[in-house]
């Protein structure tokens, strides 16, 4: 049972570290932004060019609603990842690790 728990903890830790570094990374040089920033920029372009895109008022309202919903979800995902990371660290401190 301990081996299974250890495997799950390590697997979760690896998944969190892999997904959090790429998808939610802060600016790391020219052209590299997090998902929220990329999404916001695309929405701004759509809003700015709404007349050229022939978007109706209802479509604009839906775009703005989706933008808000997506921002909220990204914030929640980042928080969940941080909480999971804390849980993993806590669990790893409880477990005795040996290299065999």
PDB file of N, CA and C in Angstrom:
ATOM      1  N   UNK A   1       0.828  -1.194   0.000  1.00  0.00           N
ATOM      2  CA  UNK A   1       0.000   0.000   0.000  1.00  0.00           C
ATOM      3  C   UNK A   1       0.870   1.256   0.000  1.00  0.00           C
ATOM      4  N   UNK A   2       1.981   1.202   0.765  1.00  0.00           N
ATOM      5  CA  UNK A   2       2.869   2.360   0.820  1.00  0.00           C
ATOM      6  C   UNK A   2       3.492   2.643  -0.539  1.00  0.00           C
ATOM      7  N   UNK A   3       3.818   1.571  -1.278  1.00  0.00           N
ATOM      8  CA  UNK A   3       4.417   1.752  -2.593  1.00  0.00           C
ATOM      9  C   UNK A   3       3.438   2.417  -3.544  1.00  0.00           C
ATOM     10  N   UNK A   4       2.175   2.012  -3.461  1.00  0.00           N
ATOM     11  CA  UNK A   4       1.158   2.595  -4.329  1.00  0.00           C
ATOM     12  C   UNK A   4       0.972   4.071  -3.993  1.00  0.00           C
ATOM     13  N   UNK A   5       0.879   4.385  -2.699  1.00  0.00           N
ATOM     14  CA  UNK A   5       0.722   5.768  -2.275  1.00  0.00           C
ATOM     15  C   UNK A   5       1.923   6.597  -2.720  1.00  0.00           C
ATOM     16  N   UNK A   6       3.100   6.062  -2.560  1.00  0.00           N
ATOM     17  CA  UNK A   6       4.308   6.764  -2.976  1.00  0.00           C
ATOM     18  C   UNK A   6       4.296   7.019  -4.472  1.00  0.00           C
ATOM     19  N   UNK A   7       3.910   6.013  -5.231  1.00  0.00           N
ATOM     20  CA  UNK A   7       3.850   6.167  -6.683  1.00  0.00           C
ATOM     21  C   UNK A   7       2.851   7.248  -7.072  1.00  0.00           C
ATOM     22  N   UNK A   8       1.686   7.251  -6.443  1.00  0.00           N
ATOM     23  CA  UNK A   8       0.656   8.241  -6.752  1.00  0.00           C
ATOM     24  C   UNK A   8       1.147   9.642  -6.407  1.00  0.00           C
ATOM     25  N   UNK A   9       1.784   9.790  -5.273  1.00  0.00           N
ATOM     26  CA  UNK A   9       2.291  11.101  -4.857  1.00  0.00           C
ATOM     27  C   UNK A   9       3.337  11.598  -5.843  1.00  0.00           C
ATOM     28  N   UNK A  10       4.273  10.752  -6.204  1.00  0.00           N
ATOM     29  CA  UNK A  10       5.325  11.154  -7.143  1.00  0.00           C
ATOM     30  C   UNK A  10       4.723  11.468  -8.509  1.00  0.00           C
ATOM     31  N   UNK A  11       3.785  10.634  -8.965  1.00  0.00           N
ATOM     32  CA  UNK A  11       3.149  10.873 -10.258  1.00  0.00           C
ATOM     33  C   UNK A  11       2.401  12.205 -10.267  1.00  0.00           C
ATOM     34  N   UNK A  12       1.679  12.499  -9.198  1.00  0.00           N
ATOM     35  CA  UNK A  12       0.962  13.778  -9.099  1.00  0.00           C
ATOM     36  C   UNK A  12       1.933  14.947  -9.088  1.00  0.00           C
ATOM     37  N   UNK A  13       3.003  14.807  -8.362  1.00  0.00           N
ATOM     38  CA  UNK A  13       4.009  15.859  -8.295  1.00  0.00           C
ATOM     39  C   UNK A  13       4.581  16.132  -9.682  1.00  0.00           C
ATOM     40  N   UNK A  14       4.897  15.085 -10.409  1.00  0.00           N
ATOM     41  CA  UNK A  14       5.448  15.255 -11.751  1.00  0.00           C
ATOM     42  C   UNK A  14       4.445  15.907 -12.688  1.00  0.00           C
ATOM     43  N   UNK A  15       3.175  15.486 -12.602  1.00  0.00           N
ATOM     44  CA  UNK A  15       2.159  16.072 -13.465  1.00  0.00           C
ATOM     45  C   UNK A  15       1.978  17.554 -13.156  1.00  0.00           C
ATOM     46  N   UNK A  16       1.938  17.888 -11.877  1.00  0.00           N
ATOM     47  CA  UNK A  16       1.775  19.290 -11.499  1.00  0.00           C
ATOM     48  C   UNK A  16       2.950  20.112 -11.992  1.00  0.00           C
ATOM     49  N   UNK A  17       4.154  19.599 -11.812  1.00  0.00           N
ATOM     50  CA  UNK A  17       5.319  20.376 -12.229  1.00  0.00           C
ATOM     51  C   UNK A  17       5.378  20.527 -13.738  1.00  0.00           C
ATOM     52  N   UNK A  18       5.019  19.501 -14.477  1.00  0.00           N
ATOM     53  CA  UNK A  18       5.050  19.580 -15.941  1.00  0.00           C
ATOM     54  C   UNK A  18       4.009  20.557 -16.452  1.00  0.00           C
ATOM     55  N   UNK A  19       2.771  20.427 -15.974  1.00  0.00           N
ATOM     56  CA  UNK A  19       1.712  21.289 -16.475  1.00  0.00           C
ATOM     57  C   UNK A  19       1.847  22.720 -15.978  1.00  0.00           C
ATOM     58  N   UNK A  20       2.328  22.911 -14.782  1.00  0.00           N
ATOM     59  CA  UNK A  20       2.398  24.267 -14.253  1.00  0.00           C
ATOM     60  C   UNK A  20       3.526  25.062 -14.889  1.00  0.00           C
ATOM     61  N   UNK A  21       4.620  24.422 -15.266  1.00  0.00           N
ATOM     62  CA  UNK A  21       5.726  25.183 -15.839  1.00  0.00           C
ATOM     63  C   UNK A  21       5.431  25.651 -17.248  1.00  0.00           C
ATOM     64  N   UNK A  22       4.795  24.837 -18.052  1.00  0.00           N
ATOM     65  CA  UNK A  22       4.527  25.217 -19.433  1.00  0.00           C
ATOM     66  C   UNK A  22       3.287  26.066 -19.586  1.00  0.00           C
ATOM     67  N   UNK A  23       2.196  25.603 -19.052  1.00  0.00           N
ATOM     68  CA  UNK A  23       0.925  26.260 -19.290  1.00  0.00           C
ATOM     69  C   UNK A  23       0.734  27.525 -18.473  1.00  0.00           C
ATOM     70  N   UNK A  24       1.290  27.574 -17.295  1.00  0.00           N
ATOM     71  CA  UNK A  24       1.039  28.711 -16.423  1.00  0.00           C
ATOM     72  C   UNK A  24       2.309  29.480 -16.082  1.00  0.00           C
ATOM     73  N   UNK A  25       3.283  29.412 -16.958  1.00  0.00           N
ATOM     74  CA  UNK A  25       4.556  30.092 -16.701  1.00  0.00           C
ATOM     75  C   UNK A  25       4.380  31.603 -16.824  1.00  0.00           C
ATOM     76  N   UNK A  26       5.149  32.293 -16.053  1.00  0.00           N
ATOM     77  CA  UNK A  26       5.171  33.747 -16.166  1.00  0.00           C
ATOM     78  C   UNK A  26       5.931  34.104 -17.436  1.00  0.00           C
ATOM     79  N   UNK A  27       5.966  35.379 -17.772  1.00  0.00           N
ATOM     80  CA  UNK A  27       6.718  35.795 -18.951  1.00  0.00           C
ATOM     81  C   UNK A  27       8.164  35.334 -18.799  1.00  0.00           C
ATOM     82  N   UNK A  28       8.667  34.697 -19.841  1.00  0.00           N
ATOM     83  CA  UNK A  28      10.032  34.204 -19.788  1.00  0.00           C
ATOM     84  C   UNK A  28      10.788  34.618 -21.045  1.00  0.00           C
ATOM     85  N   UNK A  29      10.646  35.809 -21.434  1.00  0.00           N
ATOM     86  CA  UNK A  29      11.330  36.253 -22.629  1.00  0.00           C
ATOM     87  C   UNK A  29      10.341  36.665 -23.695  1.00  0.00           C
ATOM     88  N   UNK A  30      10.877  37.007 -24.834  1.00  0.00           N
ATOM     89  CA  UNK A  30      10.062  37.528 -25.926  1.00  0.00           C
ATOM     90  C   UNK A  30       9.055  36.493 -26.426  1.00  0.00           C
ATOM     91  N   UNK A  31       7.777  36.857 -26.398  1.00  0.00           N
ATOM     92  CA  UNK A  31       6.751  36.025 -26.991  1.00  0.00           C
ATOM     93  C   UNK A  31       6.235  34.892 -26.125  1.00  0.00           C
ATOM     94  N   UNK A  32       6.690  34.756 -24.905  1.00  0.00           N
ATOM     95  CA  UNK A  32       6.230  33.662 -24.057  1.00  0.00           C
ATOM     96  C   UNK A  32       5.357  34.219 -22.941  1.00  0.00           C
ATOM     97  N   UNK A  33       4.067  33.913 -22.997  1.00  0.00           N
ATOM     98  CA  UNK A  33       3.114  34.397 -22.018  1.00  0.00           C
ATOM     99  C   UNK A  33       2.318  33.227 -21.461  1.00  0.00           C
ATOM    100  N   UNK A  34       1.648  33.455 -20.358  1.00  0.00           N
ATOM    101  CA  UNK A  34       0.790  32.400 -19.822  1.00  0.00           C
ATOM    102  C   UNK A  34      -0.507  32.334 -20.633  1.00  0.00           C
ATOM    103  N   UNK A  35      -1.289  31.297 -20.407  1.00  0.00           N
ATOM    104  CA  UNK A  35      -2.511  31.080 -21.183  1.00  0.00           C
ATOM    105  C   UNK A  35      -3.508  32.215 -21.027  1.00  0.00           C
ATOM    106  N   UNK A  36      -3.642  32.734 -19.826  1.00  0.00           N
ATOM    107  CA  UNK A  36      -4.587  33.820 -19.580  1.00  0.00           C
ATOM    108  C   UNK A  36      -4.255  35.048 -20.395  1.00  0.00           C
ATOM    109  N   UNK A  37      -2.975  35.341 -20.489  1.00  0.00           N
ATOM    110  CA  UNK A  37      -2.548  36.515 -21.246  1.00  0.00           C
ATOM    111  C   UNK A  37      -2.764  36.304 -22.741  1.00  0.00           C
ATOM    112  N   UNK A  38      -2.459  35.110 -23.233  1.00  0.00           N
ATOM    113  CA  UNK A  38      -2.687  34.811 -24.653  1.00  0.00           C
ATOM    114  C   UNK A  38      -4.169  34.926 -24.985  1.00  0.00           C
ATOM    115  N   UNK A  39      -4.995  34.355 -24.128  1.00  0.00           N
ATOM    116  CA  UNK A  39      -6.435  34.391 -24.343  1.00  0.00           C
ATOM    117  C   UNK A  39      -6.943  35.828 -24.345  1.00  0.00           C
ATOM    118  N   UNK A  40      -6.494  36.622 -23.382  1.00  0.00           N
ATOM    119  CA  UNK A  40      -6.941  38.016 -23.280  1.00  0.00           C
ATOM    120  C   UNK A  40      -6.557  38.811 -24.522  1.00  0.00           C
ATOM    121  N   UNK A  41      -5.361  38.572 -25.027  1.00  0.00           N
ATOM    122  CA  UNK A  41      -4.926  39.293 -26.224  1.00  0.00           C
ATOM    123  C   UNK A  41      -5.790  38.937 -27.428  1.00  0.00           C
ATOM    124  N   UNK A  42      -6.137  37.668 -27.560  1.00  0.00           N
ATOM    125  CA  UNK A  42      -6.979  37.250 -28.686  1.00  0.00           C
ATOM    126  C   UNK A  42      -8.377  37.869 -28.573  1.00  0.00           C
ATOM    127  N   UNK A  43      -8.895  37.924 -27.371  1.00  0.00           N
ATOM    128  CA  UNK A  43     -10.215  38.531 -27.166  1.00  0.00           C
ATOM    129  C   UNK A  43     -10.162  40.025 -27.484  1.00  0.00           C
ATOM    130  N   UNK A  44      -9.098  40.700 -27.063  1.00  0.00           N
ATOM    131  CA  UNK A  44      -8.966  42.133 -27.350  1.00  0.00           C
ATOM    132  C   UNK A  44      -8.957  42.385 -28.855  1.00  0.00           C
ATOM    133  N   UNK A  45      -8.274  41.519 -29.590  1.00  0.00           N
ATOM    134  CA  UNK A  45      -8.231  41.660 -31.048  1.00  0.00           C
ATOM    135  C   UNK A  45      -9.627  41.480 -31.631  1.00  0.00           C
ATOM    136  N   UNK A  46     -10.355  40.490 -31.113  1.00  0.00           N
ATOM    137  CA  UNK A  46     -11.715  40.258 -31.610  1.00  0.00           C
ATOM    138  C   UNK A  46     -12.609  41.458 -31.323  1.00  0.00           C
ATOM    139  N   UNK A  47     -12.507  42.010 -30.126  1.00  0.00           N
ATOM    140  CA  UNK A  47     -13.345  43.153 -29.753  1.00  0.00           C
ATOM    141  C   UNK A  47     -12.965  44.374 -30.589  1.00  0.00           C
ATOM    142  N   UNK A  48     -11.662  44.579 -30.764  1.00  0.00           N
ATOM    143  CA  UNK A  48     -11.183  45.721 -31.535  1.00  0.00           C
ATOM    144  C   UNK A  48     -11.649  45.644 -32.989  1.00  0.00           C
ATOM    145  N   UNK A  49     -11.702  44.432 -33.522  1.00  0.00           N
ATOM    146  CA  UNK A  49     -12.070  44.238 -34.920  1.00  0.00           C
ATOM    147  C   UNK A  49     -13.495  43.702 -35.081  1.00  0.00           C
ATOM    148  N   UNK A  50     -14.345  43.981 -34.125  1.00  0.00           N
ATOM    149  CA  UNK A  50     -15.705  43.434 -34.150  1.00  0.00           C
ATOM    150  C   UNK A  50     -16.494  43.871 -35.376  1.00  0.00           C
ATOM    151  N   UNK A  51     -16.281  45.100 -35.829  1.00  0.00           N
ATOM    152  CA  UNK A  51     -17.005  45.562 -37.014  1.00  0.00           C
ATOM    153  C   UNK A  51     -16.531  44.827 -38.264  1.00  0.00           C
ATOM    154  N   UNK A  52     -15.225  44.639 -38.390  1.00  0.00           N
ATOM    155  CA  UNK A  52     -14.681  43.913 -39.544  1.00  0.00           C
ATOM    156  C   UNK A  52     -15.126  42.457 -39.539  1.00  0.00           C
ATOM    157  N   UNK A  53     -15.308  41.901 -38.345  1.00  0.00           N
ATOM    158  CA  UNK A  53     -15.742  40.506 -38.214  1.00  0.00           C
ATOM    159  C   UNK A  53     -17.260  40.365 -38.302  1.00  0.00           C
ATOM    160  N   UNK A  54     -17.947  41.493 -38.391  1.00  0.00           N
ATOM    161  CA  UNK A  54     -19.418  41.528 -38.453  1.00  0.00           C
ATOM    162  C   UNK A  54     -20.047  40.816 -37.259  1.00  0.00           C
ATOM    163  N   UNK A  55     -19.540  41.117 -36.070  1.00  0.00           N
ATOM    164  CA  UNK A  55     -20.079  40.503 -34.854  1.00  0.00           C
ATOM    165  C   UNK A  55     -21.295  41.299 -34.377  1.00  0.00           C
ATOM    166  N   UNK A  56     -22.331  40.586 -33.999  1.00  0.00           N
ATOM    167  CA  UNK A  56     -23.529  41.239 -33.456  1.00  0.00           C
ATOM    168  C   UNK A  56     -23.291  41.594 -31.994  1.00  0.00           C
ATOM    169  N   UNK A  57     -24.197  42.391 -31.443  1.00  0.00           N
ATOM    170  CA  UNK A  57     -24.104  42.751 -30.026  1.00  0.00           C
ATOM    171  C   UNK A  57     -24.217  41.510 -29.147  1.00  0.00           C
ATOM    172  N   UNK A  58     -25.063  40.588 -29.546  1.00  0.00           N
ATOM    173  CA  UNK A  58     -25.227  39.345 -28.775  1.00  0.00           C
ATOM    174  C   UNK A  58     -23.927  38.533 -28.789  1.00  0.00           C
ATOM    175  N   UNK A  59     -23.270  38.493 -29.934  1.00  0.00           N
ATOM    176  CA  UNK A  59     -21.998  37.771 -30.022  1.00  0.00           C
ATOM    177  C   UNK A  59     -20.923  38.454 -29.173  1.00  0.00           C
ATOM    178  N   UNK A  60     -20.908  39.778 -29.179  1.00  0.00           N
ATOM    179  CA  UNK A  60     -19.943  40.526 -28.359  1.00  0.00           C
ATOM    180  C   UNK A  60     -20.187  40.263 -26.877  1.00  0.00           C
ATOM    181  N   UNK A  61     -21.449  40.247 -26.483  1.00  0.00           N
ATOM    182  CA  UNK A  61     -21.783  39.959 -25.088  1.00  0.00           C
ATOM    183  C   UNK A  61     -21.327  38.554 -24.707  1.00  0.00           C
ATOM    184  N   UNK A  62     -21.527  37.599 -25.614  1.00  0.00           N
ATOM    185  CA  UNK A  62     -21.112  36.216 -25.362  1.00  0.00           C
ATOM    186  C   UNK A  62     -19.592  36.116 -25.260  1.00  0.00           C
ATOM    187  N   UNK A  63     -18.886  36.835 -26.101  1.00  0.00           N
ATOM    188  CA  UNK A  63     -17.411  36.835 -26.049  1.00  0.00           C
ATOM    189  C   UNK A  63     -16.935  37.390 -24.715  1.00  0.00           C
ATOM    190  N   UNK A  64     -17.515  38.490 -24.284  1.00  0.00           N
ATOM    191  CA  UNK A  64     -17.124  39.093 -23.007  1.00  0.00           C
ATOM    192  C   UNK A  64     -17.447  38.170 -21.839  1.00  0.00           C
ATOM    193  N   UNK A  65     -18.591  37.488 -21.929  1.00  0.00           N
ATOM    194  CA  UNK A  65     -18.980  36.544 -20.885  1.00  0.00           C
ATOM    195  C   UNK A  65     -17.999  35.366 -20.830  1.00  0.00           C
ATOM    196  N   UNK A  66     -17.630  34.846 -21.997  1.00  0.00           N
ATOM    197  CA  UNK A  66     -16.672  33.743 -22.052  1.00  0.00           C
ATOM    198  C   UNK A  66     -15.293  34.163 -21.557  1.00  0.00           C
ATOM    199  N   UNK A  67     -14.919  35.404 -21.841  1.00  0.00           N
ATOM    200  CA  UNK A  67     -13.633  35.916 -21.363  1.00  0.00           C
ATOM    201  C   UNK A  67     -13.596  35.917 -19.841  1.00  0.00           C
ATOM    202  N   UNK A  68     -14.653  36.425 -19.222  1.00  0.00           N
ATOM    203  CA  UNK A  68     -14.724  36.464 -17.761  1.00  0.00           C
ATOM    204  C   UNK A  68     -14.722  35.056 -17.175  1.00  0.00           C
ATOM    205  N   UNK A  69     -15.535  34.175 -17.766  1.00  0.00           N
ATOM    206  CA  UNK A  69     -15.606  32.796 -17.282  1.00  0.00           C
ATOM    207  C   UNK A  69     -14.250  32.105 -17.386  1.00  0.00           C
ATOM    208  N   UNK A  70     -13.559  32.303 -18.496  1.00  0.00           N
ATOM    209  CA  UNK A  70     -12.250  31.674 -18.701  1.00  0.00           C
ATOM    210  C   UNK A  70     -11.215  32.216 -17.721  1.00  0.00           C
ATOM    211  N   UNK A  71     -11.223  33.517 -17.496  1.00  0.00           N
ATOM    212  CA  UNK A  71     -10.292  34.096 -16.524  1.00  0.00           C
ATOM    213  C   UNK A  71     -10.514  33.506 -15.136  1.00  0.00           C
ATOM    214  N   UNK A  72     -11.770  33.376 -14.749  1.00  0.00           N
ATOM    215  CA  UNK A  72     -12.090  32.797 -13.444  1.00  0.00           C
ATOM    216  C   UNK A  72     -11.603  31.353 -13.360  1.00  0.00           C
ATOM    217  N   UNK A  73     -11.824  30.583 -14.427  1.00  0.00           N
ATOM    218  CA  UNK A  73     -11.388  29.188 -14.436  1.00  0.00           C
ATOM    219  C   UNK A  73      -9.871  29.060 -14.368  1.00  0.00           C
ATOM    220  N   UNK A  74      -9.156  29.938 -15.074  1.00  0.00           N
ATOM    221  CA  UNK A  74      -7.695  29.897 -15.024  1.00  0.00           C
ATOM    222  C   UNK A  74      -7.175  30.217 -13.626  1.00  0.00           C
ATOM    223  N   UNK A  75      -7.791  31.185 -12.982  1.00  0.00           N
ATOM    224  CA  UNK A  75      -7.400  31.531 -11.609  1.00  0.00           C
ATOM    225  C   UNK A  75      -7.641  30.341 -10.687  1.00  0.00           C
ATOM    226  N   UNK A  76      -8.801  29.700 -10.845  1.00  0.00           N
ATOM    227  CA  UNK A  76      -9.130  28.536 -10.017  1.00  0.00           C
ATOM    228  C   UNK A  76      -8.164  27.388 -10.275  1.00  0.00           C
ATOM    229  N   UNK A  77      -7.813  27.142 -11.534  1.00  0.00           N
ATOM    230  CA  UNK A  77      -6.876  26.074 -11.871  1.00  0.00           C
ATOM    231  C   UNK A  77      -5.499  26.336 -11.267  1.00  0.00           C
ATOM    232  N   UNK A  78      -5.044  27.574 -11.361  1.00  0.00           N
ATOM    233  CA  UNK A  78      -3.747  27.916 -10.762  1.00  0.00           C
ATOM    234  C   UNK A  78      -3.772  27.680  -9.256  1.00  0.00           C
ATOM    235  N   UNK A  79      -4.869  28.072  -8.617  1.00  0.00           N
ATOM    236  CA  UNK A  79      -4.993  27.865  -7.172  1.00  0.00           C
ATOM    237  C   UNK A  79      -5.025  26.375  -6.837  1.00  0.00           C
ATOM    238  N   UNK A  80      -5.763  25.589  -7.621  1.00  0.00           N
ATOM    239  CA  UNK A  80      -5.830  24.144  -7.387  1.00  0.00           C
ATOM    240  C   UNK A  80      -4.461  23.494  -7.539  1.00  0.00           C
ATOM    241  N   UNK A  81      -3.707  23.933  -8.522  1.00  0.00           N
ATOM    242  CA  UNK A  81      -2.359  23.386  -8.722  1.00  0.00           C
ATOM    243  C   UNK A  81      -1.471  23.732  -7.538  1.00  0.00           C
ATOM    244  N   UNK A  82      -1.557  24.955  -7.066  1.00  0.00           N
ATOM    245  CA  UNK A  82      -0.742  25.363  -5.916  1.00  0.00           C
ATOM    246  C   UNK A  82      -1.126  24.573  -4.667  1.00  0.00           C
ATOM    247  N   UNK A  83      -2.415  24.376  -4.442  1.00  0.00           N
ATOM    248  CA  UNK A  83      -2.887  23.601  -3.290  1.00  0.00           C
ATOM    249  C   UNK A  83      -2.427  22.154  -3.394  1.00  0.00           C
ATOM    250  N   UNK A  84      -2.549  21.575  -4.579  1.00  0.00           N
ATOM    251  CA  UNK A  84      -2.103  20.201  -4.787  1.00  0.00           C
ATOM    252  C   UNK A  84      -0.598  20.076  -4.537  1.00  0.00           C
ATOM    253  N   UNK A  85       0.151  21.068  -4.972  1.00  0.00           N
ATOM    254  CA  UNK A  85       1.591  21.070  -4.719  1.00  0.00           C
ATOM    255  C   UNK A  85       1.900  21.074  -3.229  1.00  0.00           C
ATOM    256  N   UNK A  86       1.150  21.863  -2.469  1.00  0.00           N
ATOM    257  CA  UNK A  86       1.340  21.891  -1.021  1.00  0.00           C
ATOM    258  C   UNK A  86       0.994  20.550  -0.388  1.00  0.00           C
ATOM    259  N   UNK A  87      -0.099  19.943  -0.857  1.00  0.00           N
ATOM    260  CA  UNK A  87      -0.493  18.624  -0.349  1.00  0.00           C
ATOM    261  C   UNK A  87       0.577  17.577  -0.650  1.00  0.00           C
ATOM    262  N   UNK A  88       1.118  17.620  -1.843  1.00  0.00           N
ATOM    263  CA  UNK A  88       2.157  16.659  -2.230  1.00  0.00           C
ATOM    264  C   UNK A  88       3.404  16.845  -1.372  1.00  0.00           C
ATOM    265  N   UNK A  89       3.831  18.089  -1.192  1.00  0.00           N
ATOM    266  CA  UNK A  89       5.004  18.352  -0.358  1.00  0.00           C
ATOM    267  C   UNK A  89       4.778  17.854   1.063  1.00  0.00           C
ATOM    268  N   UNK A  90       3.593  18.106   1.585  1.00  0.00           N
ATOM    269  CA  UNK A  90       3.267  17.656   2.937  1.00  0.00           C
ATOM    270  C   UNK A  90       3.319  16.137   3.032  1.00  0.00           C
ATOM    271  N   UNK A  91       2.746  15.460   2.043  1.00  0.00           N
ATOM    272  CA  UNK A  91       2.726  13.999   2.039  1.00  0.00           C
ATOM    273  C   UNK A  91       4.134  13.432   1.867  1.00  0.00           C
ATOM    274  N   UNK A  92       4.938  14.098   1.084  1.00  0.00           N
ATOM    275  CA  UNK A  92       6.306  13.621   0.865  1.00  0.00           C
ATOM    276  C   UNK A  92       7.143  13.747   2.143  1.00  0.00           C
ATOM    277  N   UNK A  93       6.871  14.759   2.936  1.00  0.00           N
ATOM    278  CA  UNK A  93       7.596  14.920   4.198  1.00  0.00           C
ATOM    279  C   UNK A  93       7.208  13.841   5.196  1.00  0.00           C
ATOM    280  N   UNK A  94       5.978  13.330   5.113  1.00  0.00           N
ATOM    281  CA  UNK A  94       5.522  12.274   6.013  1.00  0.00           C
ATOM    282  C   UNK A  94       6.138  10.927   5.672  1.00  0.00           C
ATOM    283  N   UNK A  95       6.402  10.698   4.398  1.00  0.00           N
ATOM    284  CA  UNK A  95       6.852   9.401   3.923  1.00  0.00           C
ATOM    285  C   UNK A  95       8.375   9.304   3.988  1.00  0.00           C
ATOM    286  N   UNK A  96       8.861   8.163   4.463  1.00  0.00           N
ATOM    287  CA  UNK A  96      10.299   7.911   4.473  1.00  0.00           C
ATOM    288  C   UNK A  96      10.688   7.403   3.081  1.00  0.00           C
ATOM    289  N   UNK A  97      11.602   8.102   2.449  1.00  0.00           N
ATOM    290  CA  UNK A  97      12.046   7.718   1.105  1.00  0.00           C
ATOM    291  C   UNK A  97      13.362   6.985   1.209  1.00  0.00           C
ATOM    292  N   UNK A  98      13.416   5.829   0.577  1.00  0.00           N
ATOM    293  CA  UNK A  98      14.668   5.086   0.508  1.00  0.00           C
ATOM    294  C   UNK A  98      14.917   4.693  -0.943  1.00  0.00           C
ATOM    295  N   UNK A  99      16.168   4.725  -1.318  1.00  0.00           N
ATOM    296  CA  UNK A  99      16.532   4.285  -2.651  1.00  0.00           C
ATOM    297  C   UNK A  99      16.959   2.845  -2.585  1.00  0.00           C
ATOM    298  N   UNK A 100      16.223   1.978  -3.269  1.00  0.00           N
ATOM    299  CA  UNK A 100      16.596   0.570  -3.256  1.00  0.00           C
ATOM    300  C   UNK A 100      16.866   0.061  -4.639  1.00  0.00           C
TER     301      UNK A 100
END
